[in-house]
Amino acid sequence: RFVADFVGQSNWPPVTVRDDGKVEL
């Protein structure tokens, strides 16, 4: 997380990983 945030601009929206492995935003 530190590298991702320190180098370049980034977005960090909250998401949910379902039991079937799918990701929801």
mmCIF file of all heavy atoms, coordinates in Angstrom:
data_MODEL
# 
_entry.id   MODEL 
# 
loop_
_atom_site.group_PDB 
_atom_site.id 
_atom_site.type_symbol 
_atom_site.label_atom_id 
_atom_site.label_alt_id 
_atom_site.label_comp_id 
_atom_site.label_asym_id 
_atom_site.label_entity_id 
_atom_site.label_seq_id 
_atom_site.pdbx_PDB_ins_code 
_atom_site.Cartn_x 
_atom_site.Cartn_y 
_atom_site.Cartn_z 
_atom_site.occupancy 
_atom_site.B_iso_or_equiv 
_atom_site.pdbx_formal_charge 
_atom_site.auth_seq_id 
_atom_site.auth_comp_id 
_atom_site.auth_asym_id 
_atom_site.auth_atom_id 
_atom_site.pdbx_PDB_model_num 
ATOM 1   N N   . ARG A 1 1  ? 0.830   -1.205  0.000   1.00 0.00 ? 1  ARG A N   1 
ATOM 2   C CA  . ARG A 1 1  ? 0.000   0.000   0.000   1.00 0.00 ? 1  ARG A CA  1 
ATOM 3   C C   . ARG A 1 1  ? 0.867   1.258   0.000   1.00 0.00 ? 1  ARG A C   1 
ATOM 4   O O   . ARG A 1 1  ? 0.537   2.254   -0.640  1.00 0.00 ? 1  ARG A O   1 
ATOM 5   C CB  . ARG A 1 1  ? -0.901  -0.016  1.237   1.00 0.00 ? 1  ARG A CB  1 
ATOM 6   C CG  . ARG A 1 1  ? -2.065  -0.982  1.162   1.00 0.00 ? 1  ARG A CG  1 
ATOM 7   C CD  . ARG A 1 1  ? -3.242  -0.380  0.443   1.00 0.00 ? 1  ARG A CD  1 
ATOM 8   N NE  . ARG A 1 1  ? -3.760  0.761   1.165   1.00 0.00 ? 1  ARG A NE  1 
ATOM 9   C CZ  . ARG A 1 1  ? -4.660  0.700   2.146   1.00 0.00 ? 1  ARG A CZ  1 
ATOM 10  N NH1 . ARG A 1 1  ? -5.142  -0.469  2.505   1.00 0.00 ? 1  ARG A NH1 1 
ATOM 11  N NH2 . ARG A 1 1  ? -5.085  1.784   2.746   1.00 0.00 ? 1  ARG A NH2 1 
ATOM 12  N N   . PHE A 1 2  ? 1.967   1.219   0.749   1.00 0.00 ? 2  PHE A N   1 
ATOM 13  C CA  . PHE A 1 2  ? 2.823   2.406   0.803   1.00 0.00 ? 2  PHE A CA  1 
ATOM 14  C C   . PHE A 1 2  ? 3.373   2.743   -0.572  1.00 0.00 ? 2  PHE A C   1 
ATOM 15  O O   . PHE A 1 2  ? 3.347   3.892   -0.994  1.00 0.00 ? 2  PHE A O   1 
ATOM 16  C CB  . PHE A 1 2  ? 3.977   2.199   1.788   1.00 0.00 ? 2  PHE A CB  1 
ATOM 17  C CG  . PHE A 1 2  ? 4.969   3.331   1.753   1.00 0.00 ? 2  PHE A CG  1 
ATOM 18  C CD1 . PHE A 1 2  ? 4.707   4.510   2.419   1.00 0.00 ? 2  PHE A CD1 1 
ATOM 19  C CD2 . PHE A 1 2  ? 6.141   3.226   1.001   1.00 0.00 ? 2  PHE A CD2 1 
ATOM 20  C CE1 . PHE A 1 2  ? 5.598   5.583   2.352   1.00 0.00 ? 2  PHE A CE1 1 
ATOM 21  C CE2 . PHE A 1 2  ? 7.036   4.281   0.937   1.00 0.00 ? 2  PHE A CE2 1 
ATOM 22  C CZ  . PHE A 1 2  ? 6.763   5.466   1.607   1.00 0.00 ? 2  PHE A CZ  1 
ATOM 23  N N   . VAL A 1 3  ? 3.911   1.758   -1.283  1.00 0.00 ? 3  VAL A N   1 
ATOM 24  C CA  . VAL A 1 3  ? 4.480   1.995   -2.613  1.00 0.00 ? 3  VAL A CA  1 
ATOM 25  C C   . VAL A 1 3  ? 3.408   2.521   -3.557  1.00 0.00 ? 3  VAL A C   1 
ATOM 26  O O   . VAL A 1 3  ? 3.624   3.488   -4.305  1.00 0.00 ? 3  VAL A O   1 
ATOM 27  C CB  . VAL A 1 3  ? 5.113   0.716   -3.181  1.00 0.00 ? 3  VAL A CB  1 
ATOM 28  C CG1 . VAL A 1 3  ? 5.605   0.940   -4.609  1.00 0.00 ? 3  VAL A CG1 1 
ATOM 29  C CG2 . VAL A 1 3  ? 6.269   0.259   -2.299  1.00 0.00 ? 3  VAL A CG2 1 
ATOM 30  N N   . ALA A 1 4  ? 2.223   1.904   -3.540  1.00 0.00 ? 4  ALA A N   1 
ATOM 31  C CA  . ALA A 1 4  ? 1.136   2.321   -4.418  1.00 0.00 ? 4  ALA A CA  1 
ATOM 32  C C   . ALA A 1 4  ? 0.752   3.767   -4.174  1.00 0.00 ? 4  ALA A C   1 
ATOM 33  O O   . ALA A 1 4  ? 0.459   4.521   -5.114  1.00 0.00 ? 4  ALA A O   1 
ATOM 34  C CB  . ALA A 1 4  ? -0.068  1.414   -4.210  1.00 0.00 ? 4  ALA A CB  1 
ATOM 35  N N   . ASP A 1 5  ? 0.751   4.185   -2.915  1.00 0.00 ? 5  ASP A N   1 
ATOM 36  C CA  . ASP A 1 5  ? 0.325   5.537   -2.562  1.00 0.00 ? 5  ASP A CA  1 
ATOM 37  C C   . ASP A 1 5  ? 1.434   6.568   -2.728  1.00 0.00 ? 5  ASP A C   1 
ATOM 38  O O   . ASP A 1 5  ? 1.180   7.724   -3.055  1.00 0.00 ? 5  ASP A O   1 
ATOM 39  C CB  . ASP A 1 5  ? -0.184  5.554   -1.122  1.00 0.00 ? 5  ASP A CB  1 
ATOM 40  C CG  . ASP A 1 5  ? -1.290  6.573   -0.913  1.00 0.00 ? 5  ASP A CG  1 
ATOM 41  O OD1 . ASP A 1 5  ? -2.026  6.853   -1.875  1.00 0.00 ? 5  ASP A OD1 1 
ATOM 42  O OD2 . ASP A 1 5  ? -1.417  7.077   0.215   1.00 0.00 ? 5  ASP A OD2 1 
ATOM 43  N N   . PHE A 1 6  ? 2.691   6.139   -2.512  1.00 0.00 ? 6  PHE A N   1 
ATOM 44  C CA  . PHE A 1 6  ? 3.813   7.085   -2.558  1.00 0.00 ? 6  PHE A CA  1 
ATOM 45  C C   . PHE A 1 6  ? 4.234   7.420   -3.990  1.00 0.00 ? 6  PHE A C   1 
ATOM 46  O O   . PHE A 1 6  ? 4.608   8.543   -4.292  1.00 0.00 ? 6  PHE A O   1 
ATOM 47  C CB  . PHE A 1 6  ? 5.013   6.512   -1.792  1.00 0.00 ? 6  PHE A CB  1 
ATOM 48  C CG  . PHE A 1 6  ? 6.204   7.446   -1.755  1.00 0.00 ? 6  PHE A CG  1 
ATOM 49  C CD1 . PHE A 1 6  ? 6.196   8.561   -0.939  1.00 0.00 ? 6  PHE A CD1 1 
ATOM 50  C CD2 . PHE A 1 6  ? 7.321   7.208   -2.547  1.00 0.00 ? 6  PHE A CD2 1 
ATOM 51  C CE1 . PHE A 1 6  ? 7.281   9.429   -0.910  1.00 0.00 ? 6  PHE A CE1 1 
ATOM 52  C CE2 . PHE A 1 6  ? 8.401   8.065   -2.521  1.00 0.00 ? 6  PHE A CE2 1 
ATOM 53  C CZ  . PHE A 1 6  ? 8.384   9.179   -1.701  1.00 0.00 ? 6  PHE A CZ  1 
ATOM 54  N N   . VAL A 1 7  ? 4.166   6.442   -4.872  1.00 0.00 ? 7  VAL A N   1 
ATOM 55  C CA  . VAL A 1 7  ? 4.631   6.633   -6.244  1.00 0.00 ? 7  VAL A CA  1 
ATOM 56  C C   . VAL A 1 7  ? 3.444   6.930   -7.155  1.00 0.00 ? 7  VAL A C   1 
ATOM 57  O O   . VAL A 1 7  ? 2.591   6.069   -7.375  1.00 0.00 ? 7  VAL A O   1 
ATOM 58  C CB  . VAL A 1 7  ? 5.385   5.385   -6.750  1.00 0.00 ? 7  VAL A CB  1 
ATOM 59  C CG1 . VAL A 1 7  ? 5.846   5.584   -8.186  1.00 0.00 ? 7  VAL A CG1 1 
ATOM 60  C CG2 . VAL A 1 7  ? 6.579   5.084   -5.853  1.00 0.00 ? 7  VAL A CG2 1 
ATOM 61  N N   . GLY A 1 8  ? 3.378   8.149   -7.668  1.00 0.00 ? 8  GLY A N   1 
ATOM 62  C CA  . GLY A 1 8  ? 2.311   8.524   -8.584  1.00 0.00 ? 8  GLY A CA  1 
ATOM 63  C C   . GLY A 1 8  ? 1.003   8.836   -7.879  1.00 0.00 ? 8  GLY A C   1 
ATOM 64  O O   . GLY A 1 8  ? 0.868   8.729   -6.661  1.00 0.00 ? 8  GLY A O   1 
ATOM 65  N N   . GLN A 1 9  ? 0.013   9.256   -8.676  1.00 0.00 ? 9  GLN A N   1 
ATOM 66  C CA  . GLN A 1 9  ? -1.330  9.525   -8.172  1.00 0.00 ? 9  GLN A CA  1 
ATOM 67  C C   . GLN A 1 9  ? -2.141  8.231   -8.168  1.00 0.00 ? 9  GLN A C   1 
ATOM 68  O O   . GLN A 1 9  ? -1.944  7.376   -9.028  1.00 0.00 ? 9  GLN A O   1 
ATOM 69  C CB  . GLN A 1 9  ? -2.027  10.562  -9.051  1.00 0.00 ? 9  GLN A CB  1 
ATOM 70  C CG  . GLN A 1 9  ? -1.338  11.921  -9.074  1.00 0.00 ? 9  GLN A CG  1 
ATOM 71  C CD  . GLN A 1 9  ? -1.421  12.615  -7.725  1.00 0.00 ? 9  GLN A CD  1 
ATOM 72  O OE1 . GLN A 1 9  ? -2.442  12.583  -7.059  1.00 0.00 ? 9  GLN A OE1 1 
ATOM 73  N NE2 . GLN A 1 9  ? -0.324  13.242  -7.318  1.00 0.00 ? 9  GLN A NE2 1 
ATOM 74  N N   . SER A 1 10 ? -3.065  8.104   -7.239  1.00 0.00 ? 10 SER A N   1 
ATOM 75  C CA  . SER A 1 10 ? -3.854  6.871   -7.182  1.00 0.00 ? 10 SER A CA  1 
ATOM 76  C C   . SER A 1 10 ? -5.233  7.129   -6.598  1.00 0.00 ? 10 SER A C   1 
ATOM 77  O O   . SER A 1 10 ? -5.443  8.086   -5.846  1.00 0.00 ? 10 SER A O   1 
ATOM 78  C CB  . SER A 1 10 ? -3.126  5.801   -6.367  1.00 0.00 ? 10 SER A CB  1 
ATOM 79  O OG  . SER A 1 10 ? -2.778  6.297   -5.089  1.00 0.00 ? 10 SER A OG  1 
ATOM 80  N N   . ASN A 1 11 ? -6.166  6.264   -6.959  1.00 0.00 ? 11 ASN A N   1 
ATOM 81  C CA  . ASN A 1 11 ? -7.516  6.246   -6.393  1.00 0.00 ? 11 ASN A CA  1 
ATOM 82  C C   . ASN A 1 11 ? -7.653  5.027   -5.485  1.00 0.00 ? 11 ASN A C   1 
ATOM 83  O O   . ASN A 1 11 ? -7.068  3.975   -5.753  1.00 0.00 ? 11 ASN A O   1 
ATOM 84  C CB  . ASN A 1 11 ? -8.557  6.144   -7.512  1.00 0.00 ? 11 ASN A CB  1 
ATOM 85  C CG  . ASN A 1 11 ? -8.604  7.383   -8.380  1.00 0.00 ? 11 ASN A CG  1 
ATOM 86  O OD1 . ASN A 1 11 ? -8.970  8.466   -7.928  1.00 0.00 ? 11 ASN A OD1 1 
ATOM 87  N ND2 . ASN A 1 11 ? -8.228  7.235   -9.644  1.00 0.00 ? 11 ASN A ND2 1 
ATOM 88  N N   . TRP A 1 12 ? -8.456  5.170   -4.416  1.00 0.00 ? 12 TRP A N   1 
ATOM 89  C CA  . TRP A 1 12 ? -8.625  4.089   -3.445  1.00 0.00 ? 12 TRP A CA  1 
ATOM 90  C C   . TRP A 1 12 ? -10.091 3.883   -3.076  1.00 0.00 ? 12 TRP A C   1 
ATOM 91  O O   . TRP A 1 12 ? -10.454 3.906   -1.904  1.00 0.00 ? 12 TRP A O   1 
ATOM 92  C CB  . TRP A 1 12 ? -7.817  4.393   -2.179  1.00 0.00 ? 12 TRP A CB  1 
ATOM 93  C CG  . TRP A 1 12 ? -6.338  4.386   -2.372  1.00 0.00 ? 12 TRP A CG  1 
ATOM 94  C CD1 . TRP A 1 12 ? -5.521  5.451   -2.577  1.00 0.00 ? 12 TRP A CD1 1 
ATOM 95  C CD2 . TRP A 1 12 ? -5.495  3.237   -2.385  1.00 0.00 ? 12 TRP A CD2 1 
ATOM 96  N NE1 . TRP A 1 12 ? -4.218  5.049   -2.707  1.00 0.00 ? 12 TRP A NE1 1 
ATOM 97  C CE2 . TRP A 1 12 ? -4.164  3.689   -2.595  1.00 0.00 ? 12 TRP A CE2 1 
ATOM 98  C CE3 . TRP A 1 12 ? -5.726  1.867   -2.238  1.00 0.00 ? 12 TRP A CE3 1 
ATOM 99  C CZ2 . TRP A 1 12 ? -3.082  2.826   -2.661  1.00 0.00 ? 12 TRP A CZ2 1 
ATOM 100 C CZ3 . TRP A 1 12 ? -4.647  1.007   -2.306  1.00 0.00 ? 12 TRP A CZ3 1 
ATOM 101 C CH2 . TRP A 1 12 ? -3.339  1.489   -2.513  1.00 0.00 ? 12 TRP A CH2 1 
ATOM 102 N N   . PRO A 1 13 ? -10.977 3.650   -4.034  1.00 0.00 ? 13 PRO A N   1 
ATOM 103 C CA  . PRO A 1 13 ? -12.387 3.454   -3.672  1.00 0.00 ? 13 PRO A CA  1 
ATOM 104 C C   . PRO A 1 13 ? -12.602 2.143   -2.917  1.00 0.00 ? 13 PRO A C   1 
ATOM 105 O O   . PRO A 1 13 ? -11.930 1.145   -3.186  1.00 0.00 ? 13 PRO A O   1 
ATOM 106 C CB  . PRO A 1 13 ? -13.089 3.417   -5.029  1.00 0.00 ? 13 PRO A CB  1 
ATOM 107 C CG  . PRO A 1 13 ? -12.035 2.946   -5.983  1.00 0.00 ? 13 PRO A CG  1 
ATOM 108 C CD  . PRO A 1 13 ? -10.760 3.543   -5.487  1.00 0.00 ? 13 PRO A CD  1 
ATOM 109 N N   . PRO A 1 14 ? -13.565 2.131   -1.966  1.00 0.00 ? 14 PRO A N   1 
ATOM 110 C CA  . PRO A 1 14 ? -13.873 0.886   -1.246  1.00 0.00 ? 14 PRO A CA  1 
ATOM 111 C C   . PRO A 1 14 ? -14.643 -0.079  -2.138  1.00 0.00 ? 14 PRO A C   1 
ATOM 112 O O   . PRO A 1 14 ? -15.513 0.333   -2.915  1.00 0.00 ? 14 PRO A O   1 
ATOM 113 C CB  . PRO A 1 14 ? -14.742 1.376   -0.082  1.00 0.00 ? 14 PRO A CB  1 
ATOM 114 C CG  . PRO A 1 14 ? -15.372 2.635   -0.585  1.00 0.00 ? 14 PRO A CG  1 
ATOM 115 C CD  . PRO A 1 14 ? -14.362 3.272   -1.496  1.00 0.00 ? 14 PRO A CD  1 
ATOM 116 N N   . VAL A 1 15 ? -14.317 -1.359  -2.034  1.00 0.00 ? 15 VAL A N   1 
ATOM 117 C CA  . VAL A 1 15 ? -15.003 -2.395  -2.799  1.00 0.00 ? 15 VAL A CA  1 
ATOM 118 C C   . VAL A 1 15 ? -15.302 -3.567  -1.878  1.00 0.00 ? 15 VAL A C   1 
ATOM 119 O O   . VAL A 1 15 ? -14.800 -3.641  -0.750  1.00 0.00 ? 15 VAL A O   1 
ATOM 120 C CB  . VAL A 1 15 ? -14.160 -2.881  -4.005  1.00 0.00 ? 15 VAL A CB  1 
ATOM 121 C CG1 . VAL A 1 15 ? -13.954 -1.754  -5.013  1.00 0.00 ? 15 VAL A CG1 1 
ATOM 122 C CG2 . VAL A 1 15 ? -12.827 -3.453  -3.545  1.00 0.00 ? 15 VAL A CG2 1 
ATOM 123 N N   . THR A 1 16 ? -16.120 -4.492  -2.397  1.00 0.00 ? 16 THR A N   1 
ATOM 124 C CA  . THR A 1 16 ? -16.445 -5.713  -1.662  1.00 0.00 ? 16 THR A CA  1 
ATOM 125 C C   . THR A 1 16 ? -16.096 -6.914  -2.529  1.00 0.00 ? 16 THR A C   1 
ATOM 126 O O   . THR A 1 16 ? -16.459 -6.967  -3.707  1.00 0.00 ? 16 THR A O   1 
ATOM 127 C CB  . THR A 1 16 ? -17.936 -5.757  -1.316  1.00 0.00 ? 16 THR A CB  1 
ATOM 128 O OG1 . THR A 1 16 ? -18.267 -4.618  -0.510  1.00 0.00 ? 16 THR A OG1 1 
ATOM 129 C CG2 . THR A 1 16 ? -18.277 -7.027  -0.546  1.00 0.00 ? 16 THR A CG2 1 
ATOM 130 N N   . VAL A 1 17 ? -15.380 -7.866  -1.941  1.00 0.00 ? 17 VAL A N   1 
ATOM 131 C CA  . VAL A 1 17 ? -15.106 -9.137  -2.617  1.00 0.00 ? 17 VAL A CA  1 
ATOM 132 C C   . VAL A 1 17 ? -16.163 -10.137 -2.146  1.00 0.00 ? 17 VAL A C   1 
ATOM 133 O O   . VAL A 1 17 ? -16.247 -10.441 -0.949  1.00 0.00 ? 17 VAL A O   1 
ATOM 134 C CB  . VAL A 1 17 ? -13.695 -9.663  -2.302  1.00 0.00 ? 17 VAL A CB  1 
ATOM 135 C CG1 . VAL A 1 17 ? -13.429 -10.949 -3.076  1.00 0.00 ? 17 VAL A CG1 1 
ATOM 136 C CG2 . VAL A 1 17 ? -12.637 -8.621  -2.632  1.00 0.00 ? 17 VAL A CG2 1 
ATOM 137 N N   . ARG A 1 18 ? -16.980 -10.608 -3.084  1.00 0.00 ? 18 ARG A N   1 
ATOM 138 C CA  . ARG A 1 18 ? -18.050 -11.547 -2.732  1.00 0.00 ? 18 ARG A CA  1 
ATOM 139 C C   . ARG A 1 18 ? -17.479 -12.941 -2.457  1.00 0.00 ? 18 ARG A C   1 
ATOM 140 O O   . ARG A 1 18 ? -16.315 -13.229 -2.760  1.00 0.00 ? 18 ARG A O   1 
ATOM 141 C CB  . ARG A 1 18 ? -19.073 -11.622 -3.869  1.00 0.00 ? 18 ARG A CB  1 
ATOM 142 C CG  . ARG A 1 18 ? -19.715 -10.278 -4.179  1.00 0.00 ? 18 ARG A CG  1 
ATOM 143 C CD  . ARG A 1 18 ? -20.887 -10.398 -5.135  1.00 0.00 ? 18 ARG A CD  1 
ATOM 144 N NE  . ARG A 1 18 ? -20.659 -11.286 -6.271  1.00 0.00 ? 18 ARG A NE  1 
ATOM 145 C CZ  . ARG A 1 18 ? -21.007 -11.006 -7.526  1.00 0.00 ? 18 ARG A CZ  1 
ATOM 146 N NH1 . ARG A 1 18 ? -21.566 -9.840  -7.824  1.00 0.00 ? 18 ARG A NH1 1 
ATOM 147 N NH2 . ARG A 1 18 ? -20.802 -11.897 -8.487  1.00 0.00 ? 18 ARG A NH2 1 
ATOM 148 N N   . ASP A 1 19 ? -18.321 -13.802 -1.912  1.00 0.00 ? 19 ASP A N   1 
ATOM 149 C CA  . ASP A 1 19 ? -17.902 -15.180 -1.621  1.00 0.00 ? 19 ASP A CA  1 
ATOM 150 C C   . ASP A 1 19 ? -17.498 -15.934 -2.881  1.00 0.00 ? 19 ASP A C   1 
ATOM 151 O O   . ASP A 1 19 ? -16.664 -16.851 -2.823  1.00 0.00 ? 19 ASP A O   1 
ATOM 152 C CB  . ASP A 1 19 ? -19.026 -15.941 -0.912  1.00 0.00 ? 19 ASP A CB  1 
ATOM 153 C CG  . ASP A 1 19 ? -19.257 -15.433 0.506   1.00 0.00 ? 19 ASP A CG  1 
ATOM 154 O OD1 . ASP A 1 19 ? -18.313 -14.834 1.074   1.00 0.00 ? 19 ASP A OD1 1 
ATOM 155 O OD2 . ASP A 1 19 ? -20.367 -15.619 1.032   1.00 0.00 ? 19 ASP A OD2 1 
ATOM 156 N N   . ASP A 1 20 ? -18.072 -15.544 -4.021  1.00 0.00 ? 20 ASP A N   1 
ATOM 157 C CA  . ASP A 1 20 ? -17.711 -16.214 -5.276  1.00 0.00 ? 20 ASP A CA  1 
ATOM 158 C C   . ASP A 1 20 ? -16.466 -15.618 -5.922  1.00 0.00 ? 20 ASP A C   1 
ATOM 159 O O   . ASP A 1 20 ? -16.081 -16.001 -7.026  1.00 0.00 ? 20 ASP A O   1 
ATOM 160 C CB  . ASP A 1 20 ? -18.884 -16.184 -6.266  1.00 0.00 ? 20 ASP A CB  1 
ATOM 161 C CG  . ASP A 1 20 ? -19.280 -14.759 -6.674  1.00 0.00 ? 20 ASP A CG  1 
ATOM 162 O OD1 . ASP A 1 20 ? -18.621 -13.796 -6.207  1.00 0.00 ? 20 ASP A OD1 1 
ATOM 163 O OD2 . ASP A 1 20 ? -20.241 -14.606 -7.458  1.00 0.00 ? 20 ASP A OD2 1 
ATOM 164 N N   . GLY A 1 21 ? -15.813 -14.645 -5.236  1.00 0.00 ? 21 GLY A N   1 
ATOM 165 C CA  . GLY A 1 21 ? -14.582 -14.044 -5.745  1.00 0.00 ? 21 GLY A CA  1 
ATOM 166 C C   . GLY A 1 21 ? -14.791 -12.839 -6.622  1.00 0.00 ? 21 GLY A C   1 
ATOM 167 O O   . GLY A 1 21 ? -13.812 -12.150 -6.973  1.00 0.00 ? 21 GLY A O   1 
ATOM 168 N N   . LYS A 1 22 ? -16.014 -12.520 -6.982  1.00 0.00 ? 22 LYS A N   1 
ATOM 169 C CA  . LYS A 1 22 ? -16.299 -11.342 -7.801  1.00 0.00 ? 22 LYS A CA  1 
ATOM 170 C C   . LYS A 1 22 ? -16.161 -10.072 -6.964  1.00 0.00 ? 22 LYS A C   1 
ATOM 171 O O   . LYS A 1 22 ? -16.400 -10.078 -5.747  1.00 0.00 ? 22 LYS A O   1 
ATOM 172 C CB  . LYS A 1 22 ? -17.703 -11.416 -8.398  1.00 0.00 ? 22 LYS A CB  1 
ATOM 173 C CG  . LYS A 1 22 ? -17.960 -12.664 -9.248  1.00 0.00 ? 22 LYS A CG  1 
ATOM 174 C CD  . LYS A 1 22 ? -17.097 -12.702 -10.491 1.00 0.00 ? 22 LYS A CD  1 
ATOM 175 C CE  . LYS A 1 22 ? -17.461 -13.884 -11.378 1.00 0.00 ? 22 LYS A CE  1 
ATOM 176 N NZ  . LYS A 1 22 ? -16.600 -13.961 -12.575 1.00 0.00 ? 22 LYS A NZ  1 
ATOM 177 N N   . VAL A 1 23 ? -15.784 -8.982  -7.629  1.00 0.00 ? 23 VAL A N   1 
ATOM 178 C CA  . VAL A 1 23 ? -15.550 -7.715  -6.939  1.00 0.00 ? 23 VAL A CA  1 
ATOM 179 C C   . VAL A 1 23 ? -16.648 -6.732  -7.312  1.00 0.00 ? 23 VAL A C   1 
ATOM 180 O O   . VAL A 1 23 ? -16.973 -6.566  -8.493  1.00 0.00 ? 23 VAL A O   1 
ATOM 181 C CB  . VAL A 1 23 ? -14.164 -7.137  -7.302  1.00 0.00 ? 23 VAL A CB  1 
ATOM 182 C CG1 . VAL A 1 23 ? -13.949 -5.793  -6.606  1.00 0.00 ? 23 VAL A CG1 1 
ATOM 183 C CG2 . VAL A 1 23 ? -13.064 -8.115  -6.912  1.00 0.00 ? 23 VAL A CG2 1 
ATOM 184 N N   . GLU A 1 24 ? -17.187 -6.035  -6.310  1.00 0.00 ? 24 GLU A N   1 
ATOM 185 C CA  . GLU A 1 24 ? -18.233 -5.047  -6.549  1.00 0.00 ? 24 GLU A CA  1 
ATOM 186 C C   . GLU A 1 24 ? -17.785 -3.666  -6.101  1.00 0.00 ? 24 GLU A C   1 
ATOM 187 O O   . GLU A 1 24 ? -17.233 -3.508  -5.009  1.00 0.00 ? 24 GLU A O   1 
ATOM 188 C CB  . GLU A 1 24 ? -19.510 -5.422  -5.801  1.00 0.00 ? 24 GLU A CB  1 
ATOM 189 C CG  . GLU A 1 24 ? -20.272 -6.580  -6.413  1.00 0.00 ? 24 GLU A CG  1 
ATOM 190 C CD  . GLU A 1 24 ? -21.630 -6.780  -5.758  1.00 0.00 ? 24 GLU A CD  1 
ATOM 191 O OE1 . GLU A 1 24 ? -21.948 -6.044  -4.801  1.00 0.00 ? 24 GLU A OE1 1 
ATOM 192 O OE2 . GLU A 1 24 ? -22.372 -7.678  -6.208  1.00 0.00 ? 24 GLU A OE2 1 
ATOM 193 N N   . LEU A 1 25 ? -18.024 -2.684  -6.946  1.00 0.00 ? 25 LEU A N   1 
ATOM 194 C CA  . LEU A 1 25 ? -17.799 -1.275  -6.643  1.00 0.00 ? 25 LEU A CA  1 
ATOM 195 C C   . LEU A 1 25 ? -19.146 -0.570  -6.735  1.00 0.00 ? 25 LEU A C   1 
ATOM 196 O O   . LEU A 1 25 ? -19.757 -0.544  -7.807  1.00 0.00 ? 25 LEU A O   1 
ATOM 197 C CB  . LEU A 1 25 ? -16.798 -0.661  -7.625  1.00 0.00 ? 25 LEU A CB  1 
ATOM 198 C CG  . LEU A 1 25 ? -16.650 0.864   -7.598  1.00 0.00 ? 25 LEU A CG  1 
ATOM 199 C CD1 . LEU A 1 25 ? -16.130 1.334   -6.241  1.00 0.00 ? 25 LEU A CD1 1 
ATOM 200 C CD2 . LEU A 1 25 ? -15.706 1.337   -8.704  1.00 0.00 ? 25 LEU A CD2 1 
# 
